[in-house]
Amino acid sequence: MSGSLSFDPASVPLPDGHLIAGELLRGADGIDVRAPSDGSLRGRIPEGDADLVDRAVRNAAHVQQTSGWATCPPRDRARVIRRWADLVEVHREELARLESLCSTRPIAETMGWDVPFTAEGLRFFAEYADKLGGEVAATQSDLLGMTIGEPYGVVGAIAPWNFPLVMGSWKVVPALVAGNAVVLKPSEMTPFSIVYLARLGIEAGLPAGLFNVVQGSGAVAGDALSRHPLCGKLTFTGSTRTGIAVMKAAADSGPKPVTLELGGKSPQIVYDDIRSVDDVADRVFRAFTGNAGQVCVAGSRLIVHRRVADDMVARIVALADKVVPGPTWSGDARYAPIISAPQAARIEEIVARSLATGAVAAAPLARSPVAGEGRFLKPCVLTNVTAQTAAVQEEIFGPVLTVQTFEDEAEALSLAAHPVYGLAAGVHTADLGRAMRAVRALKAGTVWVNRYGRSADFVIPTGGFGGSGIGKDLGRQAVEANLRHKSVLMAFGN
């Protein structure tokens, strides 16, 4: 059955341009887009320069002000978003193929999770359209105080390459629901599916130009978008280093709010009272190998009680030996490639530095060629590491797990702390009190207990502390972040 999902990558039509005012704009020169499964050239996109970005933002601002989108009854906006979700499901196969073509996401995953999850996200945010009002404030008897929420105008969004559709929709839809226009720059490595999604939005009833897509590199198009004075708010998901650059660029054109979901180095604490070593080992394994570790919340640091450490590591290593990679367009593939040759080399370099300082590879990092350049890395497990080991300190964004052991709760929580990142954490224990003490102590934006990873719900916000970001995606907070609030004080006495 899974093999029936397979497709020929050469047969997929590409929306390979900018989308501005509903028009696909192609260019002769631009950026090569390669498939990480084999390194093959799959298309080219134009580089959006500052002038092109200016055109896209100004068009979006004009449409937001003249189309009536921001001032229409909120339920009308909700109806459009729900129709959009329906169209996403109707065009599930086309979206899934575009998503799998040049990303790290196997077609079984994009068909079974990414596209349906995107559609459900659209529906979730649509329901907030008419449920976000202002507040009446307690004031003296002859005054009426209240706050009124209103859109910023244009929201500039920059989406990552690891989950192009899902993460892109998390940026776009809450902003639209709040009455804004959006200009989004997808990653230059995964540029196609979001253009298709935007076209479906127009078909559903979005005014053309309300959601524009600008292609190009972060250094050119992303920087120009971050600096544009008509962007009233910015939202970005990516590395901490780039997030800092986005924040600085935004400040150059005047103070404005930013939502940043940035890097992580998330711990998984495993206590010795777990009921099943097998179950927890499988959970830990999936937490650092999902999408080949190319997930901001990847649980890449195992902190395990000494009493169960050897058994836990042995089971994780056994799981690593069973991984069989395949190109993302194969219906049988379940394990992702690394997005690019430089990223694969970077992962290898961090592991090499860690081994040189005393780390031991219980499961060695190794290339597993499938075709062409072979950008598949087998999962790696490193023991005998310290807080100073490179693989413990640095976000790797690859299938690498470090293992540290502890004797008591205080030691576990001390090892879990990271000097930079605070995105997510996992706690595995049968003791509710112990779990709650860890939840209180861990400095992380999300803590999972006896699971690792998001559910199919959208109501729980996601976002990090410290170097892992500012603000939240998902939940009510994601929509509210796209509104600015006006205070009103009205006198009605003599």
Protein backbone atom coordinates (compact mmCIF):
# COMPACT_ATOMS: atom_id res chain seq x y z
CA MET A 1 0.00 0.00 0.00
CA SER A 2 2.75 2.48 0.94
CA GLY A 3 4.51 1.92 -2.37
CA SER A 4 1.39 3.24 -4.14
CA LEU A 5 2.24 6.70 -2.79
CA SER A 6 5.46 6.77 -4.81
CA PHE A 7 5.75 9.36 -7.55
CA ASP A 8 8.15 10.43 -10.27
CA PRO A 9 9.79 13.69 -9.13
CA ALA A 10 10.24 14.79 -12.73
CA SER A 11 6.46 14.73 -13.25
CA VAL A 12 5.56 17.38 -10.66
CA PRO A 13 4.65 20.83 -12.09
CA LEU A 14 6.47 23.56 -10.19
CA PRO A 15 5.05 26.94 -9.14
CA ASP A 16 8.59 28.29 -9.35
CA GLY A 17 8.20 32.02 -8.85
CA HIS A 18 7.05 34.82 -6.59
CA LEU A 19 3.29 35.16 -6.07
CA ILE A 20 2.30 38.83 -5.97
CA ALA A 21 -1.28 40.07 -6.41
CA GLY A 22 -2.23 36.54 -7.46
CA GLU A 23 0.28 36.50 -10.32
CA LEU A 24 3.16 34.02 -10.55
CA LEU A 25 6.31 35.96 -11.43
CA ARG A 26 9.19 33.89 -12.77
CA GLY A 27 12.74 35.00 -13.48
CA ALA A 28 15.55 33.88 -15.75
CA ASP A 29 18.25 34.01 -13.11
CA GLY A 30 17.98 32.76 -9.61
CA ILE A 31 18.67 30.00 -7.11
CA ASP A 32 19.00 26.29 -7.79
CA VAL A 33 16.60 24.06 -5.83
CA ARG A 34 17.92 20.55 -5.24
CA ALA A 35 16.31 17.43 -3.82
CA PRO A 36 18.09 16.35 -0.62
CA SER A 37 17.32 12.70 -1.39
CA ASP A 38 19.86 12.57 -4.21
CA GLY A 39 21.21 16.08 -4.78
CA SER A 40 19.46 16.36 -8.14
CA LEU A 41 18.50 19.75 -9.56
CA ARG A 42 14.71 20.05 -9.42
CA GLY A 43 14.08 23.67 -10.30
CA ARG A 44 15.12 27.28 -10.00
CA ILE A 45 13.53 30.23 -8.25
CA PRO A 46 14.11 33.95 -8.82
CA GLU A 47 15.98 35.93 -6.17
CA GLY A 48 13.70 38.57 -4.69
CA ASP A 49 15.71 41.77 -4.31
CA ALA A 50 14.77 44.82 -2.23
CA ASP A 51 12.69 46.29 -5.06
CA LEU A 52 10.70 43.09 -5.48
CA VAL A 53 10.12 42.85 -1.73
CA ASP A 54 8.99 46.48 -1.69
CA ARG A 55 6.53 45.74 -4.47
CA ALA A 56 5.12 42.74 -2.60
CA VAL A 57 4.77 44.59 0.71
CA ARG A 58 3.20 47.68 -0.82
CA ASN A 59 0.74 45.56 -2.76
CA ALA A 60 -0.19 43.68 0.39
CA ALA A 61 -0.66 46.94 2.31
CA HIS A 62 -2.88 48.33 -0.44
CA VAL A 63 -5.04 45.20 -0.56
CA GLN A 64 -5.35 45.06 3.22
CA GLN A 65 -6.57 48.67 3.29
CA THR A 66 -8.91 48.53 0.28
CA SER A 67 -10.30 45.00 0.10
CA GLY A 68 -12.44 45.17 3.24
CA TRP A 69 -10.69 42.12 4.70
CA ALA A 70 -9.79 43.88 7.95
CA THR A 71 -13.21 45.50 8.41
CA CYS A 72 -15.57 42.74 7.27
CA PRO A 73 -17.55 40.71 9.83
CA PRO A 74 -15.04 38.32 11.44
CA ARG A 75 -17.16 35.29 10.59
CA ASP A 76 -16.77 36.17 6.91
CA ARG A 77 -13.02 35.81 7.34
CA ALA A 78 -13.59 32.50 9.10
CA ARG A 79 -15.70 31.18 6.20
CA VAL A 80 -12.92 31.93 3.73
CA ILE A 81 -10.32 30.19 5.89
CA ARG A 82 -12.56 27.13 6.29
CA ARG A 83 -13.08 26.93 2.52
CA TRP A 84 -9.30 27.15 2.21
CA ALA A 85 -8.93 24.18 4.53
CA ASP A 86 -11.39 22.20 2.43
CA LEU A 87 -9.38 22.97 -0.73
CA VAL A 88 -6.16 21.86 0.99
CA GLU A 89 -7.78 18.46 1.56
CA VAL A 90 -9.09 18.30 -2.02
CA HIS A 91 -5.57 19.03 -3.34
CA ARG A 92 -3.83 16.87 -0.75
CA GLU A 93 -1.89 14.83 -3.31
CA GLU A 94 -0.53 17.83 -5.24
CA LEU A 95 0.54 19.58 -2.02
CA ALA A 96 2.11 16.44 -0.60
CA ARG A 97 4.18 15.85 -3.74
CA LEU A 98 5.40 19.44 -3.84
CA GLU A 99 6.26 19.19 -0.14
CA SER A 100 8.19 15.94 -0.58
CA LEU A 101 9.96 16.92 -3.78
CA CYS A 102 12.71 19.13 -2.35
CA SER A 103 12.19 18.88 1.40
CA THR A 104 13.23 16.21 3.88
CA ARG A 105 9.66 14.97 4.31
CA PRO A 106 8.84 11.49 2.87
CA ILE A 107 5.66 11.30 0.84
CA ALA A 108 4.01 8.95 3.35
CA GLU A 109 4.55 11.62 6.01
CA THR A 110 3.35 14.57 3.91
CA MET A 111 0.24 12.68 2.80
CA GLY A 112 -0.50 11.25 6.22
CA TRP A 113 0.49 14.13 8.48
CA ASP A 114 1.82 17.40 7.02
CA VAL A 115 -1.04 18.23 4.66
CA PRO A 116 -3.93 17.05 6.90
CA PHE A 117 -2.29 18.84 9.86
CA THR A 118 -2.11 22.03 7.80
CA ALA A 119 -5.81 21.79 6.91
CA GLU A 120 -6.77 21.27 10.55
CA GLY A 121 -4.62 24.23 11.57
CA LEU A 122 -6.50 26.45 9.14
CA ARG A 123 -9.81 25.36 10.70
CA PHE A 124 -8.52 25.86 14.24
CA PHE A 125 -7.40 29.43 13.64
CA ALA A 126 -10.55 30.25 11.65
CA GLU A 127 -12.60 29.62 14.79
CA TYR A 128 -10.82 32.46 16.59
CA ALA A 129 -11.92 35.07 14.04
CA ASP A 130 -15.04 36.16 15.94
CA LYS A 131 -13.83 35.28 19.44
CA LEU A 132 -11.17 37.93 19.93
CA GLY A 133 -12.66 41.12 21.30
CA GLY A 134 -11.48 43.97 23.44
CA GLU A 135 -12.03 44.53 27.14
CA VAL A 136 -13.99 46.98 29.23
CA ALA A 137 -11.84 48.38 32.03
CA ALA A 138 -12.90 49.22 35.56
CA THR A 139 -12.87 53.04 35.82
CA GLN A 140 -14.72 55.75 37.72
CA SER A 141 -18.48 55.86 37.25
CA ASP A 142 -18.63 58.68 34.69
CA LEU A 143 -15.97 57.18 32.39
CA LEU A 144 -15.92 54.20 30.08
CA GLY A 145 -12.53 52.58 29.55
CA MET A 146 -11.91 49.88 26.99
CA THR A 147 -9.30 48.33 24.74
CA ILE A 148 -9.84 47.57 21.07
CA GLY A 149 -7.77 45.07 19.07
CA GLU A 150 -6.85 45.97 15.52
CA PRO A 151 -4.50 44.45 12.90
CA TYR A 152 -0.99 45.73 12.31
CA GLY A 153 -1.52 45.95 8.54
CA VAL A 154 1.20 43.85 6.92
CA VAL A 155 2.94 41.00 8.72
CA GLY A 156 6.29 39.92 7.31
CA ALA A 157 6.92 36.19 7.74
CA ILE A 158 9.98 34.03 7.17
CA ALA A 159 9.41 30.27 7.28
CA PRO A 160 11.93 27.43 7.68
CA TRP A 161 12.72 24.50 5.41
CA ASN A 162 12.10 21.58 7.76
CA PHE A 163 8.27 21.68 7.70
CA PRO A 164 7.49 24.17 4.92
CA LEU A 165 3.70 23.85 4.79
CA VAL A 166 3.04 23.39 8.48
CA MET A 167 5.38 26.12 9.70
CA GLY A 168 4.40 28.45 6.87
CA SER A 169 0.71 28.12 7.71
CA TRP A 170 1.45 28.76 11.40
CA LYS A 171 2.86 32.12 10.36
CA VAL A 172 0.28 33.13 7.79
CA VAL A 173 -3.11 32.02 9.04
CA PRO A 174 -3.22 33.66 12.52
CA ALA A 175 -2.15 36.94 10.91
CA LEU A 176 -4.90 36.71 8.28
CA VAL A 177 -7.53 35.75 10.85
CA ALA A 178 -6.61 38.90 12.79
CA GLY A 179 -7.25 41.02 9.67
CA ASN A 180 -3.70 41.53 8.45
CA ALA A 181 -2.08 40.98 5.06
CA VAL A 182 1.01 38.77 4.90
CA VAL A 183 4.18 38.69 2.84
CA LEU A 184 5.98 35.40 3.38
CA LYS A 185 9.44 34.31 2.35
CA PRO A 186 9.80 30.53 2.36
CA SER A 187 13.19 28.88 2.52
CA GLU A 188 14.99 28.93 -0.81
CA MET A 189 15.51 25.17 -0.36
CA THR A 190 11.77 24.41 -0.09
CA PRO A 191 9.98 27.12 -2.06
CA PHE A 192 7.16 25.42 -3.95
CA SER A 193 4.39 24.09 -1.69
CA ILE A 194 3.66 27.43 -0.01
CA VAL A 195 2.98 29.07 -3.40
CA TYR A 196 0.45 26.34 -4.17
CA LEU A 197 -1.11 26.89 -0.74
CA ALA A 198 -1.38 30.64 -1.39
CA ARG A 199 -3.09 30.03 -4.74
CA LEU A 200 -5.64 27.80 -3.00
CA GLY A 201 -6.27 30.65 -0.57
CA ILE A 202 -7.19 32.95 -3.45
CA GLU A 203 -9.47 30.26 -4.83
CA ALA A 204 -11.14 30.05 -1.42
CA GLY A 205 -11.82 33.80 -1.40
CA LEU A 206 -8.74 35.59 -0.10
CA PRO A 207 -8.34 38.88 -1.97
CA ALA A 208 -5.44 38.50 -4.41
CA GLY A 209 -2.43 40.19 -2.88
CA LEU A 210 -3.52 39.73 0.73
CA PHE A 211 -1.06 36.84 0.97
CA ASN A 212 2.02 37.38 -1.19
CA VAL A 213 5.00 35.02 -1.46
CA VAL A 214 8.51 36.32 -2.16
CA GLN A 215 11.22 33.84 -3.11
CA GLY A 216 14.92 34.25 -2.46
CA SER A 217 17.73 33.90 0.01
CA GLY A 218 17.63 35.01 3.61
CA ALA A 219 20.55 37.36 3.08
CA VAL A 220 18.76 39.28 0.31
CA ALA A 221 14.97 38.77 0.32
CA GLY A 222 14.73 37.91 4.02
CA ASP A 223 16.80 40.89 5.05
CA ALA A 224 14.79 43.27 2.85
CA LEU A 225 11.52 41.97 4.28
CA SER A 226 12.79 42.31 7.86
CA ARG A 227 13.79 45.93 7.23
CA HIS A 228 10.69 47.05 5.34
CA PRO A 229 9.04 49.98 7.14
CA LEU A 230 5.50 48.93 6.11
CA CYS A 231 5.79 45.58 7.89
CA GLY A 232 4.09 46.27 11.19
CA LYS A 233 5.16 42.95 12.69
CA LEU A 234 7.62 40.17 11.86
CA THR A 235 7.48 36.44 12.54
CA PHE A 236 10.40 34.08 11.98
CA THR A 237 11.30 30.45 12.65
CA GLY A 238 14.90 29.33 12.28
CA SER A 239 18.28 29.42 13.94
CA THR A 240 19.06 31.62 16.92
CA ARG A 241 21.80 33.40 14.99
CA THR A 242 19.46 34.31 12.14
CA GLY A 243 16.70 35.27 14.58
CA ILE A 244 19.02 37.80 16.17
CA ALA A 245 19.79 39.22 12.72
CA VAL A 246 16.06 39.48 11.93
CA MET A 247 15.45 41.31 15.19
CA LYS A 248 18.27 43.78 14.50
CA ALA A 249 17.05 44.39 10.95
CA ALA A 250 13.51 44.98 12.20
CA ALA A 251 14.78 47.60 14.65
CA ASP A 252 16.58 49.46 11.87
CA SER A 253 13.26 50.50 10.31
CA GLY A 254 11.66 51.43 13.61
CA PRO A 255 10.61 49.45 16.68
CA LYS A 256 8.17 46.67 15.87
CA PRO A 257 7.11 43.41 17.53
CA VAL A 258 8.71 40.14 16.46
CA THR A 259 7.78 36.53 17.08
CA LEU A 260 10.84 34.31 17.00
CA GLU A 261 10.84 30.51 17.32
CA LEU A 262 14.53 29.70 17.38
CA GLY A 263 16.97 26.92 18.13
CA GLY A 264 16.86 24.26 20.80
CA LYS A 265 18.98 21.69 22.57
CA SER A 266 16.21 19.90 24.37
CA PRO A 267 16.83 17.41 27.19
CA GLN A 268 14.95 14.21 27.88
CA ILE A 269 15.17 13.15 31.52
CA VAL A 270 14.54 9.44 32.13
CA TYR A 271 14.13 8.34 35.74
CA ASP A 272 14.63 4.79 36.99
CA ASP A 273 10.95 4.29 37.88
CA ILE A 274 9.75 4.10 34.26
CA ARG A 275 7.40 1.18 33.69
CA SER A 276 8.82 0.04 30.35
CA VAL A 277 12.38 0.57 29.13
CA ASP A 278 11.30 -0.54 25.65
CA ASP A 279 8.51 2.05 25.40
CA VAL A 280 10.65 4.91 26.65
CA ALA A 281 13.60 3.91 24.46
CA ASP A 282 11.31 4.00 21.43
CA ARG A 283 10.00 7.42 22.51
CA VAL A 284 13.50 8.80 23.00
CA PHE A 285 14.61 7.38 19.65
CA ARG A 286 11.74 8.97 17.74
CA ALA A 287 12.37 12.28 19.50
CA PHE A 288 15.89 12.67 18.05
CA THR A 289 15.43 10.88 14.70
CA GLY A 290 12.12 12.35 13.56
CA ASN A 291 12.83 14.17 10.28
CA ALA A 292 16.43 12.94 10.82
CA GLY A 293 16.73 15.24 13.82
CA GLN A 294 15.94 18.32 11.73
CA VAL A 295 13.37 19.59 14.21
CA CYS A 296 13.82 22.58 16.50
CA VAL A 297 12.35 20.69 19.46
CA ALA A 298 14.33 17.48 18.83
CA GLY A 299 15.07 15.71 22.11
CA SER A 300 18.78 15.45 21.42
CA ARG A 301 20.13 15.21 25.00
CA LEU A 302 19.30 12.03 26.92
CA ILE A 303 19.78 12.44 30.66
CA VAL A 304 19.15 9.00 32.14
CA HIS A 305 19.40 7.45 35.60
CA ARG A 306 22.51 5.29 35.95
CA ARG A 307 20.43 2.27 36.97
CA VAL A 308 18.69 2.05 33.58
CA ALA A 309 21.27 3.79 31.38
CA ASP A 310 23.02 0.74 29.89
CA ASP A 311 19.76 -0.99 29.01
CA MET A 312 18.27 2.22 27.58
CA VAL A 313 21.30 2.95 25.39
CA ALA A 314 21.48 -0.64 24.11
CA ARG A 315 17.86 -0.52 22.99
CA ILE A 316 18.27 2.87 21.29
CA VAL A 317 21.37 1.63 19.45
CA ALA A 318 19.43 -1.43 18.28
CA LEU A 319 16.72 0.84 16.88
CA ALA A 320 19.35 2.96 15.11
CA ASP A 321 20.70 -0.14 13.36
CA LYS A 322 17.27 -0.82 11.81
CA VAL A 323 16.83 2.51 10.04
CA VAL A 324 16.46 2.11 6.26
CA PRO A 325 16.48 5.40 4.31
CA GLY A 326 14.86 6.05 0.96
CA PRO A 327 14.15 8.99 -1.33
CA THR A 328 11.27 11.19 -0.22
CA TRP A 329 9.27 10.32 -3.34
CA SER A 330 9.25 6.62 -2.41
CA GLY A 331 6.11 5.50 -0.62
CA ASP A 332 8.18 3.09 1.45
CA ALA A 333 10.54 5.77 2.83
CA ARG A 334 10.20 6.64 6.51
CA TYR A 335 13.60 8.13 7.34
CA ALA A 336 14.49 11.61 6.10
CA PRO A 337 17.57 12.82 4.24
CA ILE A 338 19.67 15.76 5.43
CA ILE A 339 18.53 18.94 3.72
CA SER A 340 21.86 19.88 2.08
CA ALA A 341 25.45 18.79 1.63
CA PRO A 342 26.79 21.65 3.82
CA GLN A 343 24.39 20.69 6.60
CA ALA A 344 25.48 17.04 6.42
CA ALA A 345 29.12 18.12 6.59
CA ARG A 346 28.37 20.36 9.58
CA ILE A 347 26.76 17.48 11.49
CA GLU A 348 29.77 15.29 10.77
CA GLU A 349 32.15 18.03 11.90
CA ILE A 350 30.42 18.50 15.26
CA VAL A 351 30.45 14.75 15.90
CA ALA A 352 34.13 14.57 14.93
CA ARG A 353 35.00 17.36 17.37
CA SER A 354 33.06 15.56 20.08
CA LEU A 355 34.88 12.28 19.48
CA ALA A 356 38.21 14.10 19.53
CA THR A 357 37.48 15.35 23.05
CA GLY A 358 36.56 11.96 24.50
CA ALA A 359 33.02 11.14 23.40
CA VAL A 360 32.37 7.49 22.50
CA ALA A 361 30.12 6.48 19.61
CA ALA A 362 27.79 3.75 20.84
CA ALA A 363 26.17 4.09 17.42
CA PRO A 364 28.52 5.78 14.93
CA LEU A 365 27.42 8.52 12.54
CA ALA A 366 27.70 7.18 9.00
CA ARG A 367 26.56 8.14 5.53
CA SER A 368 24.05 5.79 3.99
CA PRO A 369 24.05 6.48 0.24
CA VAL A 370 20.79 5.80 -1.53
CA ALA A 371 21.41 7.64 -4.78
CA GLY A 372 23.50 10.49 -6.08
CA GLU A 373 25.20 12.39 -3.30
CA GLY A 374 23.64 10.25 -0.58
CA ARG A 375 22.59 12.82 2.02
CA PHE A 376 21.37 10.24 4.53
CA LEU A 377 23.04 9.97 7.92
CA LYS A 378 22.40 6.99 10.18
CA PRO A 379 21.42 7.90 13.76
CA CYS A 380 24.37 8.49 16.09
CA VAL A 381 24.50 7.91 19.85
CA LEU A 382 27.35 9.51 21.82
CA THR A 383 28.22 8.47 25.38
CA ASN A 384 31.01 9.62 27.72
CA VAL A 385 30.16 13.25 27.07
CA THR A 386 30.34 16.29 29.35
CA ALA A 387 28.70 19.69 29.43
CA GLN A 388 31.68 20.99 27.42
CA THR A 389 31.33 18.44 24.59
CA ALA A 390 30.46 20.13 21.30
CA ALA A 391 27.51 17.81 20.65
CA VAL A 392 26.06 18.71 24.05
CA GLN A 393 26.54 22.45 23.66
CA GLU A 394 25.62 23.09 20.01
CA GLU A 395 22.35 22.64 18.17
CA ILE A 396 23.23 20.00 15.58
CA PHE A 397 19.94 19.71 13.65
CA GLY A 398 20.73 16.12 12.77
CA PRO A 399 20.16 12.59 14.11
CA VAL A 400 22.63 12.75 17.01
CA LEU A 401 21.83 11.87 20.62
CA THR A 402 24.16 12.57 23.55
CA VAL A 403 23.87 10.51 26.73
CA GLN A 404 24.59 11.75 30.25
CA THR A 405 23.77 9.86 33.46
CA PHE A 406 22.63 10.99 36.90
CA GLU A 407 22.02 9.64 40.39
CA ASP A 408 19.39 11.98 41.87
CA GLU A 409 16.85 14.63 40.87
CA ALA A 410 19.11 17.56 41.58
CA GLU A 411 21.83 16.18 39.31
CA ALA A 412 19.30 15.44 36.55
CA LEU A 413 17.92 18.97 36.57
CA SER A 414 21.40 20.46 36.69
CA LEU A 415 22.43 18.46 33.61
CA ALA A 416 19.19 19.43 31.81
CA ALA A 417 19.91 23.16 32.09
CA HIS A 418 21.50 24.75 29.03
CA PRO A 419 23.24 28.15 29.02
CA VAL A 420 21.58 29.28 25.77
CA TYR A 421 18.51 27.27 24.78
CA GLY A 422 15.16 26.75 26.46
CA LEU A 423 12.78 25.50 23.79
CA ALA A 424 11.46 22.14 25.02
CA ALA A 425 12.13 19.29 27.42
CA GLY A 426 10.87 15.79 28.13
CA VAL A 427 10.37 14.04 31.47
CA HIS A 428 9.80 10.30 31.70
CA THR A 429 8.73 9.04 35.13
CA ALA A 430 5.91 7.16 36.91
CA ASP A 431 6.05 9.57 39.87
CA LEU A 432 3.64 12.52 39.47
CA GLY A 433 5.35 14.56 42.17
CA ARG A 434 8.74 14.08 40.56
CA ALA A 435 7.27 15.06 37.18
CA MET A 436 5.77 18.27 38.59
CA ARG A 437 8.99 19.23 40.34
CA ALA A 438 10.79 18.87 37.02
CA VAL A 439 8.11 20.86 35.18
CA ARG A 440 8.56 23.70 37.67
CA ALA A 441 12.35 23.62 37.56
CA LEU A 442 13.00 23.22 33.81
CA LYS A 443 13.57 26.47 31.93
CA ALA A 444 11.78 25.53 28.71
CA GLY A 445 8.81 26.90 26.79
CA THR A 446 7.28 23.41 26.49
CA VAL A 447 7.66 20.42 28.80
CA TRP A 448 6.31 17.03 27.78
CA VAL A 449 5.72 14.40 30.45
CA ASN A 450 5.70 10.71 29.47
CA ARG A 451 5.56 11.68 25.81
CA TYR A 452 7.73 13.72 23.47
CA GLY A 453 6.31 15.91 20.74
CA ARG A 454 3.17 17.83 19.94
CA SER A 455 -0.25 16.23 19.75
CA ALA A 456 -2.74 16.86 16.96
CA ASP A 457 -4.14 19.75 19.00
CA PHE A 458 -3.44 23.39 18.20
CA VAL A 459 -4.65 25.01 21.40
CA ILE A 460 -1.36 24.64 23.30
CA PRO A 461 1.08 27.40 22.26
CA THR A 462 4.67 26.66 21.34
CA GLY A 463 7.70 28.86 21.78
CA GLY A 464 10.92 29.09 23.75
CA PHE A 465 12.77 30.89 26.50
CA GLY A 466 16.14 32.62 26.31
CA GLY A 467 18.03 31.94 23.10
CA SER A 468 15.13 29.81 21.86
CA GLY A 469 12.94 32.76 21.03
CA ILE A 470 10.26 35.31 21.85
CA GLY A 471 6.50 34.88 21.62
CA LYS A 472 4.33 31.92 20.68
CA ASP A 473 3.07 30.05 17.67
CA LEU A 474 -0.18 28.07 17.99
CA GLY A 475 -2.93 28.61 20.50
CA ARG A 476 -4.92 31.75 21.15
CA GLN A 477 -1.64 33.58 21.73
CA ALA A 478 -0.65 33.15 18.08
CA VAL A 479 -3.69 35.12 16.91
CA GLU A 480 -3.50 37.74 19.65
CA ALA A 481 0.13 38.40 18.74
CA ASN A 482 -1.10 39.73 15.40
CA LEU A 483 -3.28 42.40 16.98
CA ARG A 484 -2.25 45.71 18.52
CA HIS A 485 -4.47 47.15 21.19
CA LYS A 486 -5.83 50.67 21.35
CA SER A 487 -6.90 52.12 24.68
CA VAL A 488 -10.07 54.24 24.79
CA LEU A 489 -11.30 56.37 27.68
CA MET A 490 -14.68 57.97 27.14
CA ALA A 491 -16.36 60.57 29.35
CA PHE A 492 -20.16 60.59 29.33
CA GLY A 493 -21.00 62.73 32.38
CA ASN A 494 -21.84 66.45 32.31
